[in-house]
């Protein structure tokens, strides 16, 4: 079996102590998420900010990145969900290219996720 894809008994220690986010990281992640939200140029309010993916569960590897999602209601952005999804995808791509953020050797990728 490829050990890179084995699960671990702990969350990624670069981010977590037990099941708690390491001190200071929350504040930094919130600051980054707010900057990304401002970059989106929308008025739909933030519903939540979440970390997802392998860095937020037990299948992290040395190659894991940090997936930081700003949760919003796409319907509050516009009625055309296809257009809103494409807009969010484009803004994510532009942000991640123009704001290459890393933490402890891990890329931080942002995305505006629909609450649904």
N, C-alpha and C. Protein backbone atom coordinates (compact mmCIF):
# COMPACT_ATOMS: atom_id res chain seq x y z
N UNK A 1 0.85 -1.19 0.00
CA UNK A 1 0.00 0.00 0.00
C UNK A 1 0.89 1.25 0.00
N UNK A 2 0.45 2.28 -0.68
CA UNK A 2 1.20 3.53 -0.72
C UNK A 2 0.98 4.25 0.60
N UNK A 3 2.05 4.48 1.34
CA UNK A 3 1.91 5.08 2.67
C UNK A 3 1.48 6.53 2.60
N UNK A 4 1.70 7.19 1.47
CA UNK A 4 1.31 8.59 1.34
C UNK A 4 -0.18 8.78 1.53
N UNK A 5 -0.98 7.75 1.25
CA UNK A 5 -2.43 7.88 1.33
C UNK A 5 -3.02 7.17 2.54
N UNK A 6 -2.19 6.74 3.45
CA UNK A 6 -2.70 6.15 4.67
C UNK A 6 -3.21 7.25 5.59
N UNK A 7 -4.21 6.93 6.37
CA UNK A 7 -4.71 7.90 7.34
C UNK A 7 -3.79 7.93 8.55
N UNK A 8 -3.86 9.03 9.27
CA UNK A 8 -3.05 9.22 10.47
C UNK A 8 -3.96 9.18 11.69
N UNK A 9 -3.38 8.95 12.83
CA UNK A 9 -4.12 8.96 14.08
C UNK A 9 -4.30 10.35 14.64
N UNK A 10 -3.64 11.35 14.01
CA UNK A 10 -3.74 12.73 14.45
C UNK A 10 -3.96 13.64 13.25
N UNK A 11 -4.47 14.82 13.53
CA UNK A 11 -4.56 15.84 12.49
C UNK A 11 -3.16 16.38 12.21
N UNK A 12 -3.00 17.08 11.10
CA UNK A 12 -1.70 17.61 10.69
C UNK A 12 -1.10 18.49 11.80
N UNK A 13 0.02 18.09 12.39
CA UNK A 13 0.59 18.84 13.51
C UNK A 13 1.11 20.22 13.12
N UNK A 14 1.23 20.51 11.83
CA UNK A 14 1.59 21.86 11.41
C UNK A 14 0.47 22.85 11.72
N UNK A 15 -0.76 22.34 11.82
CA UNK A 15 -1.92 23.19 12.05
C UNK A 15 -2.65 22.92 13.36
N UNK A 16 -2.58 21.69 13.83
CA UNK A 16 -3.44 21.25 14.92
C UNK A 16 -2.64 20.70 16.10
N UNK A 17 -3.15 20.93 17.29
CA UNK A 17 -2.70 20.24 18.50
C UNK A 17 -3.92 19.48 18.99
N UNK A 18 -3.87 18.17 18.84
CA UNK A 18 -5.07 17.37 19.10
C UNK A 18 -6.11 17.76 18.08
N UNK A 19 -7.29 18.16 18.55
CA UNK A 19 -8.33 18.60 17.62
C UNK A 19 -8.55 20.11 17.68
N UNK A 20 -7.57 20.83 18.20
CA UNK A 20 -7.64 22.29 18.30
C UNK A 20 -6.66 22.92 17.33
N UNK A 21 -7.11 23.95 16.62
CA UNK A 21 -6.25 24.70 15.72
C UNK A 21 -5.15 25.36 16.56
N UNK A 22 -3.92 25.27 16.08
CA UNK A 22 -2.80 25.85 16.84
C UNK A 22 -3.04 27.33 17.13
N UNK A 23 -2.65 27.78 18.31
CA UNK A 23 -2.89 29.18 18.70
C UNK A 23 -2.33 30.16 17.67
N UNK A 24 -3.07 31.20 17.40
CA UNK A 24 -2.64 32.23 16.47
C UNK A 24 -3.06 31.99 15.03
N UNK A 25 -3.27 30.74 14.65
CA UNK A 25 -3.62 30.46 13.26
C UNK A 25 -5.02 30.95 12.92
N UNK A 26 -5.94 30.79 13.85
CA UNK A 26 -7.33 31.21 13.60
C UNK A 26 -7.38 32.68 13.19
N UNK A 27 -6.70 33.52 13.95
CA UNK A 27 -6.70 34.95 13.67
C UNK A 27 -6.12 35.25 12.29
N UNK A 28 -5.04 34.57 11.94
CA UNK A 28 -4.43 34.75 10.62
C UNK A 28 -5.33 34.28 9.50
N UNK A 29 -5.97 33.12 9.68
CA UNK A 29 -6.88 32.61 8.66
C UNK A 29 -8.08 33.54 8.47
N UNK A 30 -8.60 34.09 9.55
CA UNK A 30 -9.72 35.02 9.44
C UNK A 30 -9.31 36.28 8.68
N UNK A 31 -8.11 36.77 8.93
CA UNK A 31 -7.60 37.96 8.24
C UNK A 31 -7.46 37.68 6.73
N UNK A 32 -6.92 36.52 6.38
CA UNK A 32 -6.77 36.14 4.97
C UNK A 32 -8.14 35.99 4.32
N UNK A 33 -9.06 35.32 5.00
CA UNK A 33 -10.41 35.12 4.45
C UNK A 33 -11.12 36.46 4.22
N UNK A 34 -10.96 37.39 5.13
CA UNK A 34 -11.57 38.71 4.98
C UNK A 34 -10.99 39.44 3.77
N UNK A 35 -9.67 39.36 3.59
CA UNK A 35 -9.04 40.00 2.42
C UNK A 35 -9.56 39.38 1.13
N UNK A 36 -9.71 38.06 1.12
CA UNK A 36 -10.26 37.38 -0.06
C UNK A 36 -11.70 37.80 -0.31
N UNK A 37 -12.50 37.86 0.75
CA UNK A 37 -13.89 38.29 0.62
C UNK A 37 -13.96 39.70 0.02
N UNK A 38 -13.13 40.61 0.50
CA UNK A 38 -13.10 41.96 -0.05
C UNK A 38 -12.73 41.94 -1.54
N UNK A 39 -11.81 41.05 -1.91
CA UNK A 39 -11.37 40.89 -3.29
C UNK A 39 -12.52 40.42 -4.19
N UNK A 40 -13.47 39.68 -3.63
CA UNK A 40 -14.61 39.18 -4.41
C UNK A 40 -15.52 40.31 -4.89
N UNK A 41 -15.52 41.43 -4.17
CA UNK A 41 -16.34 42.60 -4.53
C UNK A 41 -17.82 42.24 -4.61
N UNK A 42 -18.31 41.60 -3.56
CA UNK A 42 -19.73 41.23 -3.47
C UNK A 42 -20.29 41.77 -2.16
N UNK A 43 -21.61 41.77 -2.05
CA UNK A 43 -22.24 42.23 -0.81
C UNK A 43 -22.89 41.10 -0.03
N UNK A 44 -22.96 39.91 -0.61
CA UNK A 44 -23.52 38.76 0.11
C UNK A 44 -22.70 38.54 1.38
N UNK A 45 -23.34 38.44 2.52
CA UNK A 45 -22.58 38.30 3.77
C UNK A 45 -21.89 36.94 3.90
N UNK A 46 -20.80 36.94 4.64
CA UNK A 46 -20.10 35.70 4.95
C UNK A 46 -20.95 34.89 5.91
N UNK A 47 -21.20 33.62 5.59
CA UNK A 47 -21.95 32.72 6.46
C UNK A 47 -21.01 31.95 7.38
N UNK A 48 -19.81 31.63 6.88
CA UNK A 48 -18.85 30.85 7.66
C UNK A 48 -17.51 30.91 6.95
N UNK A 49 -16.47 30.55 7.67
CA UNK A 49 -15.13 30.39 7.11
C UNK A 49 -14.65 29.03 7.60
N UNK A 50 -14.27 28.16 6.67
CA UNK A 50 -13.92 26.80 7.04
C UNK A 50 -12.61 26.36 6.39
N UNK A 51 -11.95 25.43 7.04
CA UNK A 51 -10.79 24.76 6.48
C UNK A 51 -11.28 23.36 6.12
N UNK A 52 -11.07 22.97 4.86
CA UNK A 52 -11.49 21.64 4.44
C UNK A 52 -10.31 20.91 3.81
N UNK A 53 -10.54 19.70 3.38
CA UNK A 53 -9.51 18.94 2.69
C UNK A 53 -8.63 18.15 3.65
N UNK A 54 -7.54 17.66 3.10
CA UNK A 54 -6.68 16.76 3.87
C UNK A 54 -6.05 17.43 5.07
N UNK A 55 -5.80 18.73 5.02
CA UNK A 55 -5.21 19.42 6.17
C UNK A 55 -6.18 19.58 7.32
N UNK A 56 -7.44 19.29 7.06
CA UNK A 56 -8.46 19.38 8.10
C UNK A 56 -8.99 18.01 8.49
N UNK A 57 -8.33 16.96 8.01
CA UNK A 57 -8.73 15.63 8.46
C UNK A 57 -7.52 14.71 8.52
N UNK A 58 -7.75 13.47 8.61
CA UNK A 58 -6.69 12.52 8.97
C UNK A 58 -5.95 11.90 7.78
N UNK A 59 -6.17 12.41 6.58
CA UNK A 59 -5.45 11.86 5.43
C UNK A 59 -4.46 12.87 4.84
N UNK A 60 -3.92 13.75 5.68
CA UNK A 60 -2.94 14.74 5.25
C UNK A 60 -1.62 14.05 4.88
N UNK A 61 -0.88 14.72 4.01
CA UNK A 61 0.46 14.25 3.63
C UNK A 61 1.41 15.44 3.67
N UNK A 62 2.67 15.18 3.40
CA UNK A 62 3.64 16.28 3.35
C UNK A 62 3.35 17.22 2.18
N UNK A 63 2.50 16.80 1.26
CA UNK A 63 2.15 17.61 0.08
C UNK A 63 0.81 18.32 0.24
N UNK A 64 0.16 18.18 1.38
CA UNK A 64 -1.16 18.79 1.59
C UNK A 64 -1.08 20.30 1.55
N UNK A 65 -2.14 20.91 1.01
CA UNK A 65 -2.27 22.36 1.07
C UNK A 65 -3.37 22.69 2.09
N UNK A 66 -3.64 23.96 2.23
CA UNK A 66 -4.70 24.42 3.14
C UNK A 66 -5.81 24.99 2.28
N UNK A 67 -6.97 24.38 2.35
CA UNK A 67 -8.13 24.83 1.60
C UNK A 67 -9.00 25.67 2.54
N UNK A 68 -8.94 26.98 2.35
CA UNK A 68 -9.67 27.92 3.19
C UNK A 68 -10.87 28.43 2.40
N UNK A 69 -12.07 28.11 2.87
CA UNK A 69 -13.29 28.46 2.14
C UNK A 69 -14.09 29.52 2.88
N UNK A 70 -14.51 30.51 2.13
CA UNK A 70 -15.43 31.53 2.62
C UNK A 70 -16.81 31.10 2.12
N UNK A 71 -17.70 30.81 3.05
CA UNK A 71 -19.03 30.31 2.70
C UNK A 71 -19.99 31.49 2.59
N UNK A 72 -20.66 31.54 1.43
CA UNK A 72 -21.66 32.58 1.17
C UNK A 72 -22.88 31.94 0.51
N UNK A 73 -23.95 32.70 0.41
CA UNK A 73 -25.14 32.26 -0.31
C UNK A 73 -25.03 32.82 -1.73
N UNK A 74 -24.75 31.96 -2.70
CA UNK A 74 -24.61 32.41 -4.09
C UNK A 74 -25.84 33.16 -4.58
N UNK A 75 -27.02 32.78 -4.10
CA UNK A 75 -28.25 33.44 -4.54
C UNK A 75 -28.30 34.91 -4.10
N UNK A 76 -27.51 35.26 -3.08
CA UNK A 76 -27.44 36.66 -2.65
C UNK A 76 -26.48 37.47 -3.53
N UNK A 77 -25.70 36.76 -4.37
CA UNK A 77 -24.79 37.42 -5.31
C UNK A 77 -25.53 37.73 -6.60
N UNK A 78 -26.34 36.77 -7.06
CA UNK A 78 -27.08 36.96 -8.29
C UNK A 78 -28.01 35.79 -8.57
N UNK A 79 -29.00 36.01 -9.41
CA UNK A 79 -29.99 34.97 -9.71
C UNK A 79 -29.48 33.91 -10.67
N UNK A 80 -28.48 34.24 -11.46
CA UNK A 80 -27.94 33.30 -12.44
C UNK A 80 -26.82 32.49 -11.78
N UNK A 81 -27.17 31.32 -11.24
CA UNK A 81 -26.19 30.52 -10.50
C UNK A 81 -25.01 30.09 -11.36
N UNK A 82 -25.25 29.82 -12.63
CA UNK A 82 -24.16 29.45 -13.54
C UNK A 82 -23.14 30.60 -13.63
N UNK A 83 -23.63 31.80 -13.80
CA UNK A 83 -22.77 32.97 -13.88
C UNK A 83 -22.04 33.22 -12.56
N UNK A 84 -22.74 33.09 -11.45
CA UNK A 84 -22.13 33.29 -10.13
C UNK A 84 -21.04 32.27 -9.89
N UNK A 85 -21.29 31.00 -10.21
CA UNK A 85 -20.25 29.95 -10.04
C UNK A 85 -19.02 30.26 -10.87
N UNK A 86 -19.24 30.67 -12.12
CA UNK A 86 -18.11 31.00 -12.99
C UNK A 86 -17.34 32.21 -12.46
N UNK A 87 -18.06 33.20 -11.95
CA UNK A 87 -17.42 34.37 -11.37
C UNK A 87 -16.56 33.98 -10.16
N UNK A 88 -17.13 33.16 -9.28
CA UNK A 88 -16.38 32.74 -8.08
C UNK A 88 -15.15 31.92 -8.46
N UNK A 89 -15.30 31.07 -9.46
CA UNK A 89 -14.16 30.27 -9.91
C UNK A 89 -13.07 31.18 -10.49
N UNK A 90 -13.47 32.16 -11.29
CA UNK A 90 -12.50 33.08 -11.88
C UNK A 90 -11.79 33.91 -10.81
N UNK A 91 -12.55 34.41 -9.85
CA UNK A 91 -11.95 35.21 -8.77
C UNK A 91 -10.99 34.37 -7.93
N UNK A 92 -11.36 33.12 -7.67
CA UNK A 92 -10.48 32.20 -6.94
C UNK A 92 -9.17 32.03 -7.70
N UNK A 93 -9.27 31.79 -8.99
CA UNK A 93 -8.07 31.56 -9.80
C UNK A 93 -7.17 32.79 -9.82
N UNK A 94 -7.77 33.97 -10.01
CA UNK A 94 -6.99 35.21 -10.02
C UNK A 94 -6.33 35.43 -8.66
N UNK A 95 -7.08 35.26 -7.58
CA UNK A 95 -6.53 35.44 -6.23
C UNK A 95 -5.35 34.50 -5.99
N UNK A 96 -5.55 33.23 -6.26
CA UNK A 96 -4.51 32.24 -5.94
C UNK A 96 -3.24 32.44 -6.77
N UNK A 97 -3.36 33.04 -7.96
CA UNK A 97 -2.18 33.34 -8.77
C UNK A 97 -1.50 34.63 -8.29
N UNK A 98 -2.30 35.63 -7.95
CA UNK A 98 -1.74 36.93 -7.59
C UNK A 98 -1.41 37.07 -6.10
N UNK A 99 -1.89 36.14 -5.29
CA UNK A 99 -1.63 36.15 -3.84
C UNK A 99 -1.13 34.77 -3.41
N UNK A 100 0.07 34.38 -3.83
CA UNK A 100 0.57 33.03 -3.48
C UNK A 100 0.95 32.96 -2.00
N UNK A 101 0.01 32.54 -1.18
CA UNK A 101 0.21 32.47 0.27
C UNK A 101 0.64 31.08 0.69
N UNK A 102 1.56 31.02 1.65
CA UNK A 102 1.97 29.74 2.22
C UNK A 102 2.04 29.87 3.74
N UNK A 103 1.91 28.74 4.38
CA UNK A 103 2.06 28.65 5.83
C UNK A 103 2.76 27.34 6.13
N UNK A 104 3.92 27.43 6.76
CA UNK A 104 4.68 26.23 7.14
C UNK A 104 4.89 25.30 5.95
N UNK A 105 5.18 25.91 4.79
CA UNK A 105 5.45 25.14 3.58
C UNK A 105 4.22 24.65 2.84
N UNK A 106 3.04 25.03 3.29
CA UNK A 106 1.79 24.59 2.65
C UNK A 106 1.14 25.78 1.94
N UNK A 107 0.74 25.56 0.69
CA UNK A 107 0.01 26.60 -0.04
C UNK A 107 -1.36 26.79 0.61
N UNK A 108 -1.81 28.04 0.64
CA UNK A 108 -3.15 28.35 1.13
C UNK A 108 -3.99 28.70 -0.08
N UNK A 109 -5.01 27.91 -0.36
CA UNK A 109 -5.89 28.14 -1.50
C UNK A 109 -7.26 28.58 -0.98
N UNK A 110 -7.75 29.65 -1.54
CA UNK A 110 -9.04 30.19 -1.12
C UNK A 110 -10.12 29.94 -2.14
N UNK A 111 -11.34 29.87 -1.66
CA UNK A 111 -12.48 29.63 -2.53
C UNK A 111 -13.74 30.17 -1.85
N UNK A 112 -14.64 30.74 -2.66
CA UNK A 112 -15.94 31.16 -2.15
C UNK A 112 -16.93 30.03 -2.41
N UNK A 113 -17.33 29.37 -1.35
CA UNK A 113 -18.19 28.19 -1.43
C UNK A 113 -19.64 28.59 -1.18
N UNK A 114 -20.53 28.04 -2.00
CA UNK A 114 -21.96 28.28 -1.79
C UNK A 114 -22.42 27.56 -0.52
N UNK A 115 -23.27 28.18 0.24
CA UNK A 115 -23.76 27.57 1.48
C UNK A 115 -24.57 26.31 1.20
N UNK A 116 -25.05 26.16 -0.01
CA UNK A 116 -25.82 24.97 -0.36
C UNK A 116 -24.93 23.90 -0.96
